[in-house]
Protein backbone atom coordinates (compact mmCIF):
# COMPACT_ATOMS: atom_id res chain seq x y z
CA UNK A 1 96.74 -13.76 49.65
CA UNK A 2 94.31 -15.75 47.70
CA UNK A 3 94.86 -18.69 50.02
CA UNK A 4 93.42 -16.62 52.96
CA UNK A 5 89.93 -15.97 52.17
CA UNK A 6 89.33 -14.00 55.18
CA UNK A 7 91.85 -11.44 54.08
CA UNK A 8 90.14 -11.09 50.78
CA UNK A 9 86.78 -10.74 52.48
CA UNK A 10 88.22 -7.76 54.58
CA UNK A 11 89.61 -6.31 51.58
CA UNK A 12 86.36 -6.59 49.70
CA UNK A 13 84.43 -5.02 52.66
CA UNK A 14 86.91 -2.08 52.79
CA UNK A 15 86.50 -1.57 49.09
CA UNK A 16 82.68 -1.62 49.45
CA UNK A 17 82.69 0.87 52.20
CA UNK A 18 85.09 3.23 50.29
CA UNK A 19 82.85 2.90 47.25
CA UNK A 20 79.83 3.73 49.31
CA UNK A 21 81.32 6.66 50.96
CA UNK A 22 82.69 8.07 47.74
CA UNK A 23 79.56 7.65 46.07
CA UNK A 24 77.39 9.26 48.90
CA UNK A 25 79.77 12.14 49.25
CA UNK A 26 80.22 12.62 45.61
CA UNK A 27 84.01 12.55 45.91
CA UNK A 28 85.85 11.86 42.62
CA UNK A 29 82.90 10.48 40.52
CA UNK A 30 85.24 9.33 37.66
CA UNK A 31 87.10 6.94 40.39
CA UNK A 32 83.75 5.84 41.80
CA UNK A 33 82.75 4.93 38.28
CA UNK A 34 85.72 2.77 37.80
CA UNK A 35 85.29 1.13 41.15
CA UNK A 36 81.77 0.26 40.26
CA UNK A 37 82.87 -1.49 36.97
CA UNK A 38 85.88 -3.21 38.72
CA UNK A 39 83.59 -4.67 41.52
CA UNK A 40 82.56 -7.75 39.50
CA UNK A 41 86.31 -8.71 39.29
CA UNK A 42 86.58 -8.33 43.13
CA UNK A 43 83.49 -10.44 43.84
CA UNK A 44 84.64 -13.27 41.38
CA UNK A 45 88.02 -13.14 43.03
CA UNK A 46 86.48 -13.65 46.27
CA UNK A 47 84.36 -16.33 45.35
CA UNK A 48 87.06 -18.26 43.76
CA UNK A 49 89.35 -17.85 46.78
CA UNK A 50 86.40 -19.25 49.22
CA UNK A 51 85.59 -21.94 46.99
CA UNK A 52 89.16 -23.14 46.36
CA UNK A 53 90.90 -22.44 49.66
CA UNK A 54 88.02 -22.15 52.26
CA UNK A 55 87.39 -25.00 54.70
CA UNK A 56 84.02 -26.18 56.21
CA UNK A 57 84.19 -27.27 59.84
CA UNK A 58 80.73 -28.44 60.25
CA UNK A 59 79.69 -32.00 60.41
CA UNK A 60 79.01 -34.07 57.31
CA UNK A 61 75.47 -35.27 56.23
CA UNK A 62 74.50 -38.67 57.08
CA UNK A 63 73.11 -40.91 54.28
CA UNK A 64 69.32 -40.27 55.43
CA UNK A 65 69.81 -36.52 55.57
CA UNK A 66 69.07 -34.33 52.64
CA UNK A 67 69.40 -31.00 54.32
CA UNK A 68 72.23 -29.70 56.57
CA UNK A 69 70.28 -27.99 59.30
CA UNK A 70 72.40 -28.12 62.35
CA UNK A 71 70.17 -25.94 64.51
CA UNK A 72 67.15 -28.49 64.57
CA UNK A 73 67.11 -32.01 65.49
CA UNK A 74 66.24 -34.67 63.11
CA UNK A 75 62.80 -35.35 64.89
CA UNK A 76 61.93 -31.78 64.43
CA UNK A 77 62.80 -31.72 60.89
CA UNK A 78 60.17 -34.38 59.79
């Protein structure tokens, strides 16, 4: 599962939504508190998975480029 960052991102989103709903509706406050304290572990796991197994599909920077803005041409950047 760690080798597929998109699955972890979906699980983290579901976890966040469950936490927010439980917090707003005041459902199981003890579980909500545990979820709050475990959330940094989830964020660190997601970050590690993205950095370790994620792939970048954009273009590489040239030698004269310092920033990777792909939505603007080189002439407009200067």
